[in-house]
Amino acid sequence: MALKLKVTLVRSPIHREESQKATVRGLGLRHLHHARVLEDTPAIRGMITKVQHLVTVEPADDAQ
């Protein structure tokens, strides 16, 4: 089973570069404190790295 990550938006993308806003949308995050459980792939890791100052990342529980 692939590792999953829980990504939560904790800071607003308002007044950020358009590419960072697009990355947040690409992660599926819509509003503050919205969380998504995503597969741990190199593409997702790259997106998280780009907006690491706006999100928190933790391992997801297997129950989700």
N, C-alpha and C. Protein backbone atom coordinates (compact mmCIF):
# COMPACT_ATOMS: atom_id res chain seq x y z
N MET A 1 0.85 -1.19 0.00
CA MET A 1 0.00 0.00 0.00
C MET A 1 0.89 1.25 0.00
N ALA A 2 0.54 2.20 -0.82
CA ALA A 2 1.33 3.42 -0.95
C ALA A 2 1.13 4.32 0.26
N LEU A 3 2.16 5.04 0.61
CA LEU A 3 2.08 5.97 1.72
C LEU A 3 1.19 7.14 1.32
N LYS A 4 0.40 7.61 2.28
CA LYS A 4 -0.49 8.74 2.02
C LYS A 4 -0.11 9.89 2.95
N LEU A 5 -0.33 11.11 2.48
CA LEU A 5 -0.02 12.31 3.24
C LEU A 5 -1.28 13.13 3.46
N LYS A 6 -1.43 13.68 4.64
CA LYS A 6 -2.53 14.60 4.92
C LYS A 6 -1.96 16.01 4.80
N VAL A 7 -2.47 16.77 3.84
CA VAL A 7 -2.00 18.13 3.57
C VAL A 7 -3.11 19.10 3.99
N THR A 8 -2.78 20.07 4.83
CA THR A 8 -3.76 21.03 5.34
C THR A 8 -3.30 22.44 5.03
N LEU A 9 -4.20 23.26 4.50
CA LEU A 9 -3.90 24.67 4.20
C LEU A 9 -4.02 25.47 5.50
N VAL A 10 -2.92 26.07 5.95
CA VAL A 10 -2.93 26.81 7.22
C VAL A 10 -2.68 28.30 7.04
N ARG A 11 -2.25 28.71 5.84
CA ARG A 11 -2.06 30.13 5.55
C ARG A 11 -2.71 30.44 4.22
N SER A 12 -3.23 31.63 4.10
CA SER A 12 -3.96 32.02 2.90
C SER A 12 -3.03 32.27 1.72
N PRO A 13 -3.46 31.84 0.52
CA PRO A 13 -2.67 32.13 -0.69
C PRO A 13 -2.93 33.53 -1.25
N ILE A 14 -3.76 34.32 -0.59
CA ILE A 14 -4.01 35.69 -1.05
C ILE A 14 -2.70 36.48 -0.98
N HIS A 15 -2.45 37.32 -1.97
CA HIS A 15 -1.23 38.13 -2.08
C HIS A 15 0.01 37.28 -2.32
N ARG A 16 -0.17 36.10 -2.88
CA ARG A 16 0.95 35.25 -3.27
C ARG A 16 1.04 35.23 -4.78
N GLU A 17 2.15 34.72 -5.30
CA GLU A 17 2.32 34.60 -6.75
C GLU A 17 1.22 33.71 -7.32
N GLU A 18 0.85 33.97 -8.55
CA GLU A 18 -0.22 33.19 -9.19
C GLU A 18 0.16 31.71 -9.28
N SER A 19 1.44 31.42 -9.46
CA SER A 19 1.85 30.02 -9.54
C SER A 19 1.64 29.29 -8.21
N GLN A 20 1.82 30.00 -7.09
CA GLN A 20 1.59 29.39 -5.79
C GLN A 20 0.09 29.17 -5.56
N LYS A 21 -0.73 30.12 -6.00
CA LYS A 21 -2.19 29.94 -5.90
C LYS A 21 -2.62 28.74 -6.71
N ALA A 22 -2.06 28.59 -7.91
CA ALA A 22 -2.42 27.47 -8.77
C ALA A 22 -1.97 26.14 -8.14
N THR A 23 -0.83 26.14 -7.48
CA THR A 23 -0.34 24.94 -6.83
C THR A 23 -1.26 24.52 -5.68
N VAL A 24 -1.71 25.49 -4.89
CA VAL A 24 -2.65 25.19 -3.80
C VAL A 24 -3.93 24.60 -4.38
N ARG A 25 -4.44 25.19 -5.46
CA ARG A 25 -5.64 24.64 -6.10
C ARG A 25 -5.37 23.25 -6.66
N GLY A 26 -4.18 23.05 -7.21
CA GLY A 26 -3.81 21.74 -7.75
C GLY A 26 -3.75 20.66 -6.69
N LEU A 27 -3.43 21.05 -5.47
CA LEU A 27 -3.44 20.10 -4.35
C LEU A 27 -4.86 19.81 -3.87
N GLY A 28 -5.82 20.57 -4.38
CA GLY A 28 -7.22 20.36 -4.01
C GLY A 28 -7.64 21.09 -2.76
N LEU A 29 -6.86 22.09 -2.35
CA LEU A 29 -7.18 22.85 -1.14
C LEU A 29 -7.93 24.11 -1.52
N ARG A 30 -9.08 24.33 -0.89
CA ARG A 30 -9.96 25.43 -1.28
C ARG A 30 -10.00 26.57 -0.28
N HIS A 31 -9.95 26.25 1.00
CA HIS A 31 -10.07 27.30 2.01
C HIS A 31 -9.21 26.93 3.22
N LEU A 32 -9.03 27.86 4.13
CA LEU A 32 -8.18 27.62 5.29
C LEU A 32 -8.66 26.42 6.09
N HIS A 33 -7.73 25.66 6.58
CA HIS A 33 -7.94 24.47 7.40
C HIS A 33 -8.61 23.34 6.63
N HIS A 34 -8.66 23.45 5.31
CA HIS A 34 -9.15 22.37 4.46
C HIS A 34 -8.02 21.36 4.33
N ALA A 35 -8.32 20.08 4.50
CA ALA A 35 -7.30 19.05 4.43
C ALA A 35 -7.65 18.04 3.35
N ARG A 36 -6.64 17.49 2.72
CA ARG A 36 -6.80 16.45 1.71
C ARG A 36 -5.81 15.35 2.02
N VAL A 37 -6.20 14.13 1.75
CA VAL A 37 -5.30 12.98 1.86
C VAL A 37 -4.88 12.63 0.45
N LEU A 38 -3.57 12.69 0.20
CA LEU A 38 -3.02 12.51 -1.15
C LEU A 38 -1.97 11.41 -1.14
N GLU A 39 -1.79 10.78 -2.30
CA GLU A 39 -0.74 9.79 -2.47
C GLU A 39 0.63 10.48 -2.36
N ASP A 40 1.60 9.77 -1.83
CA ASP A 40 2.95 10.31 -1.71
C ASP A 40 3.72 9.99 -2.99
N THR A 41 3.65 10.92 -3.96
CA THR A 41 4.36 10.76 -5.23
C THR A 41 5.36 11.90 -5.37
N PRO A 42 6.33 11.76 -6.26
CA PRO A 42 7.28 12.86 -6.47
C PRO A 42 6.61 14.15 -6.92
N ALA A 43 5.55 14.05 -7.72
CA ALA A 43 4.85 15.25 -8.19
C ALA A 43 4.18 15.98 -7.03
N ILE A 44 3.52 15.23 -6.16
CA ILE A 44 2.85 15.83 -4.99
C ILE A 44 3.90 16.42 -4.05
N ARG A 45 5.00 15.71 -3.85
CA ARG A 45 6.08 16.24 -2.99
C ARG A 45 6.61 17.56 -3.54
N GLY A 46 6.76 17.66 -4.85
CA GLY A 46 7.23 18.91 -5.45
C GLY A 46 6.25 20.05 -5.24
N MET A 47 4.96 19.75 -5.37
CA MET A 47 3.94 20.78 -5.15
C MET A 47 3.95 21.24 -3.69
N ILE A 48 4.09 20.29 -2.77
CA ILE A 48 4.14 20.63 -1.34
C ILE A 48 5.36 21.49 -1.04
N THR A 49 6.49 21.15 -1.64
CA THR A 49 7.71 21.93 -1.42
C THR A 49 7.53 23.37 -1.89
N LYS A 50 6.83 23.56 -2.99
CA LYS A 50 6.63 24.90 -3.54
C LYS A 50 5.80 25.79 -2.61
N VAL A 51 4.86 25.20 -1.89
CA VAL A 51 3.98 25.99 -1.01
C VAL A 51 4.13 25.55 0.45
N GLN A 52 5.32 25.11 0.82
CA GLN A 52 5.53 24.59 2.17
C GLN A 52 5.27 25.62 3.27
N HIS A 53 5.33 26.90 2.93
CA HIS A 53 5.07 27.95 3.91
C HIS A 53 3.58 28.19 4.11
N LEU A 54 2.73 27.54 3.31
CA LEU A 54 1.28 27.71 3.40
C LEU A 54 0.57 26.48 3.93
N VAL A 55 1.24 25.35 3.96
CA VAL A 55 0.58 24.09 4.33
C VAL A 55 1.33 23.37 5.44
N THR A 56 0.62 22.44 6.08
CA THR A 56 1.27 21.49 6.98
C THR A 56 1.05 20.11 6.39
N VAL A 57 2.02 19.22 6.63
CA VAL A 57 1.97 17.87 6.07
C VAL A 57 2.22 16.88 7.19
N GLU A 58 1.41 15.84 7.22
CA GLU A 58 1.60 14.77 8.21
C GLU A 58 1.18 13.46 7.56
N PRO A 59 1.69 12.35 8.07
CA PRO A 59 1.26 11.06 7.53
C PRO A 59 -0.23 10.86 7.81
N ALA A 60 -0.93 10.27 6.85
CA ALA A 60 -2.37 10.04 7.01
C ALA A 60 -2.60 8.73 7.74
N ASP A 61 -3.68 8.66 8.48
CA ASP A 61 -4.08 7.41 9.15
C ASP A 61 -4.55 6.43 8.09
N ASP A 62 -4.41 5.15 8.37
CA ASP A 62 -4.86 4.12 7.43
C ASP A 62 -6.38 4.06 7.36
N ALA A 63 -7.08 4.60 8.34
CA ALA A 63 -8.54 4.53 8.38
C ALA A 63 -9.18 5.40 7.31
N GLN A 64 -8.45 6.39 6.79
CA GLN A 64 -9.07 7.32 5.84
C GLN A 64 -9.03 6.80 4.45
